[in-house]
Amino acid sequence: MDTEPKESLRECDEGTLMDIEVIPSSGKSMVAGYDPWRRRVVVKIKERAEGGRANRELIKLFSSKFDSDVIIVKGSKSKMKTILIKDTNKEEVSRTMWGGGKK
């Protein structure tokens, strides 16, 4: 991979921001990979993008993955979103997502 998935992450006072691209109406909800051109984590969501269902499923997926509160801070009506994973740092998120990062 030419670019690092960590390019989709940045820290803020409340935690870590992650840029993602959501693919709704998929077979199952999962992190599908990384798009180096858009510098976004690609997330497949089983729910349809109607009535906030896909957003709720996205929040549920990441909240359970990080055992932390997750909110959508940008793009609530778009496939391109930025989420906040509260009370985490960039390295913790990177290790959980891809097994890398500094210890």
C-alpha atoms as a PDB file:
ATOM      1  CA  MET A   1       0.000   0.000   0.000  1.00  0.00           C
ATOM      2  CA  ASP A   2       1.475   3.324  -1.057  1.00  0.00           C
ATOM      3  CA  THR A   3      -0.137   5.349   1.705  1.00  0.00           C
ATOM      4  CA  GLU A   4      -0.842   4.577   5.319  1.00  0.00           C
ATOM      5  CA  PRO A   5      -4.382   4.090   6.646  1.00  0.00           C
ATOM      6  CA  LYS A   6      -3.276   6.382   9.485  1.00  0.00           C
ATOM      7  CA  GLU A   7      -3.663   9.281   7.034  1.00  0.00           C
ATOM      8  CA  SER A   8      -7.412   8.980   7.663  1.00  0.00           C
ATOM      9  CA  LEU A   9      -6.859   9.722  11.377  1.00  0.00           C
ATOM     10  CA  ARG A  10      -6.233  12.889  13.337  1.00  0.00           C
ATOM     11  CA  GLU A  11      -6.381  13.725  17.010  1.00  0.00           C
ATOM     12  CA  CYS A  12      -8.524  16.388  18.656  1.00  0.00           C
ATOM     13  CA  ASP A  13      -9.254  17.373  22.257  1.00  0.00           C
ATOM     14  CA  GLU A  14     -12.128  14.883  22.556  1.00  0.00           C
ATOM     15  CA  GLY A  15     -10.482  11.859  20.915  1.00  0.00           C
ATOM     16  CA  THR A  16      -9.635  10.718  17.397  1.00  0.00           C
ATOM     17  CA  LEU A  17     -11.292  11.774  14.155  1.00  0.00           C
ATOM     18  CA  MET A  18     -11.508   9.209  11.354  1.00  0.00           C
ATOM     19  CA  ASP A  19     -12.459   9.929   7.745  1.00  0.00           C
ATOM     20  CA  ILE A  20     -14.559   7.122   6.300  1.00  0.00           C
ATOM     21  CA  GLU A  21     -16.511   6.176   3.209  1.00  0.00           C
ATOM     22  CA  VAL A  22     -19.687   4.220   3.884  1.00  0.00           C
ATOM     23  CA  ILE A  23     -21.119   1.630   1.503  1.00  0.00           C
ATOM     24  CA  PRO A  24     -24.698   1.006   2.685  1.00  0.00           C
ATOM     25  CA  SER A  25     -26.884  -1.996   1.843  1.00  0.00           C
ATOM     26  CA  SER A  26     -23.913  -4.383   1.948  1.00  0.00           C
ATOM     27  CA  GLY A  27     -24.015  -8.066   2.849  1.00  0.00           C
ATOM     28  CA  LYS A  28     -22.718  -7.404   6.362  1.00  0.00           C
ATOM     29  CA  SER A  29     -21.334  -4.572   8.454  1.00  0.00           C
ATOM     30  CA  MET A  30     -17.538  -4.504   8.486  1.00  0.00           C
ATOM     31  CA  VAL A  31     -14.425  -2.460   7.859  1.00  0.00           C
ATOM     32  CA  ALA A  32     -13.649  -3.341   4.244  1.00  0.00           C
ATOM     33  CA  GLY A  33     -10.302  -1.629   3.743  1.00  0.00           C
ATOM     34  CA  TYR A  34      -8.681   1.679   2.953  1.00  0.00           C
ATOM     35  CA  ASP A  35      -8.981   3.918  -0.105  1.00  0.00           C
ATOM     36  CA  PRO A  36      -5.568   5.590  -0.547  1.00  0.00           C
ATOM     37  CA  TRP A  37      -6.877   8.027  -3.159  1.00  0.00           C
ATOM     38  CA  ARG A  38      -9.553   9.428  -0.877  1.00  0.00           C
ATOM     39  CA  ARG A  39      -7.541   8.738   2.277  1.00  0.00           C
ATOM     40  CA  ARG A  40     -10.601   7.181   3.873  1.00  0.00           C
ATOM     41  CA  VAL A  41     -11.393   3.946   5.646  1.00  0.00           C
ATOM     42  CA  VAL A  42     -14.017   2.019   3.651  1.00  0.00           C
ATOM     43  CA  VAL A  43     -16.854   0.653   5.800  1.00  0.00           C
ATOM     44  CA  LYS A  44     -19.591  -1.646   4.551  1.00  0.00           C
ATOM     45  CA  ILE A  45     -22.912  -1.327   6.374  1.00  0.00           C
ATOM     46  CA  LYS A  46     -25.698  -3.891   6.114  1.00  0.00           C
ATOM     47  CA  GLU A  47     -28.470  -1.345   6.734  1.00  0.00           C
ATOM     48  CA  ARG A  48     -29.932   0.851   4.014  1.00  0.00           C
ATOM     49  CA  ALA A  49     -29.254   4.585   4.017  1.00  0.00           C
ATOM     50  CA  GLU A  50     -32.823   5.468   4.980  1.00  0.00           C
ATOM     51  CA  GLY A  51     -34.050   7.190   8.097  1.00  0.00           C
ATOM     52  CA  GLY A  52     -30.601   7.183   9.703  1.00  0.00           C
ATOM     53  CA  ARG A  53     -30.439   3.380   9.880  1.00  0.00           C
ATOM     54  CA  ALA A  54     -27.014   3.127   8.230  1.00  0.00           C
ATOM     55  CA  ASN A  55     -25.658   5.857  10.527  1.00  0.00           C
ATOM     56  CA  ARG A  56     -26.932   4.055  13.619  1.00  0.00           C
ATOM     57  CA  GLU A  57     -25.349   0.794  12.425  1.00  0.00           C
ATOM     58  CA  LEU A  58     -22.051   2.609  11.739  1.00  0.00           C
ATOM     59  CA  ILE A  59     -22.020   4.066  15.253  1.00  0.00           C
ATOM     60  CA  LYS A  60     -22.843   0.650  16.733  1.00  0.00           C
ATOM     61  CA  LEU A  61     -20.034  -1.013  14.748  1.00  0.00           C
ATOM     62  CA  PHE A  62     -17.344   1.445  15.845  1.00  0.00           C
ATOM     63  CA  SER A  63     -18.616   1.820  19.424  1.00  0.00           C
ATOM     64  CA  SER A  64     -18.279  -1.926  19.959  1.00  0.00           C
ATOM     65  CA  LYS A  65     -14.905  -2.078  18.193  1.00  0.00           C
ATOM     66  CA  PHE A  66     -13.404   0.629  20.435  1.00  0.00           C
ATOM     67  CA  ASP A  67     -15.590   0.263  23.555  1.00  0.00           C
ATOM     68  CA  SER A  68     -16.046   4.026  23.357  1.00  0.00           C
ATOM     69  CA  ASP A  69     -18.647   6.615  22.390  1.00  0.00           C
ATOM     70  CA  VAL A  70     -18.663   7.394  18.663  1.00  0.00           C
ATOM     71  CA  ILE A  71     -20.407  10.284  16.951  1.00  0.00           C
ATOM     72  CA  ILE A  72     -20.680  11.432  13.348  1.00  0.00           C
ATOM     73  CA  VAL A  73     -19.239  14.945  13.244  1.00  0.00           C
ATOM     74  CA  LYS A  74     -19.411  15.519   9.485  1.00  0.00           C
ATOM     75  CA  GLY A  75     -21.375  14.004   6.611  1.00  0.00           C
ATOM     76  CA  SER A  76     -24.437  12.628   8.373  1.00  0.00           C
ATOM     77  CA  LYS A  77     -26.309  12.644   5.035  1.00  0.00           C
ATOM     78  CA  SER A  78     -23.328  11.685   2.873  1.00  0.00           C
ATOM     79  CA  LYS A  79     -21.338   8.522   2.163  1.00  0.00           C
ATOM     80  CA  MET A  80     -18.191  10.492   3.034  1.00  0.00           C
ATOM     81  CA  LYS A  81     -18.172  10.968   6.809  1.00  0.00           C
ATOM     82  CA  THR A  82     -15.933  11.952   9.661  1.00  0.00           C
ATOM     83  CA  ILE A  83     -16.501  10.185  12.956  1.00  0.00           C
ATOM     84  CA  LEU A  84     -15.179  11.021  16.404  1.00  0.00           C
ATOM     85  CA  ILE A  85     -14.036   8.104  18.538  1.00  0.00           C
ATOM     86  CA  LYS A  86     -14.103   9.663  21.986  1.00  0.00           C
ATOM     87  CA  ASP A  87     -11.352   9.290  24.585  1.00  0.00           C
ATOM     88  CA  THR A  88      -8.862   7.623  22.214  1.00  0.00           C
ATOM     89  CA  ASN A  89      -5.658   8.696  20.545  1.00  0.00           C
ATOM     90  CA  LYS A  90      -4.414   8.121  17.007  1.00  0.00           C
ATOM     91  CA  GLU A  91      -2.048   5.306  17.979  1.00  0.00           C
ATOM     92  CA  GLU A  92      -4.733   3.381  19.918  1.00  0.00           C
ATOM     93  CA  VAL A  93      -7.104   3.617  16.970  1.00  0.00           C
ATOM     94  CA  SER A  94      -4.387   2.569  14.536  1.00  0.00           C
ATOM     95  CA  ARG A  95      -3.475  -0.495  16.634  1.00  0.00           C
ATOM     96  CA  THR A  96      -7.115  -1.535  16.955  1.00  0.00           C
ATOM     97  CA  MET A  97      -7.845  -1.043  13.261  1.00  0.00           C
ATOM     98  CA  TRP A  98      -4.657  -2.321  11.612  1.00  0.00           C
ATOM     99  CA  GLY A  99      -2.434  -3.772  14.326  1.00  0.00           C
ATOM    100  CA  GLY A 100       0.230  -1.108  13.784  1.00  0.00           C
ATOM    101  CA  GLY A 101       1.268   2.038  15.566  1.00  0.00           C
ATOM    102  CA  LYS A 102       3.772   2.850  18.260  1.00  0.00           C
ATOM    103  CA  LYS A 103       3.524   1.254  21.662  1.00  0.00           C
END
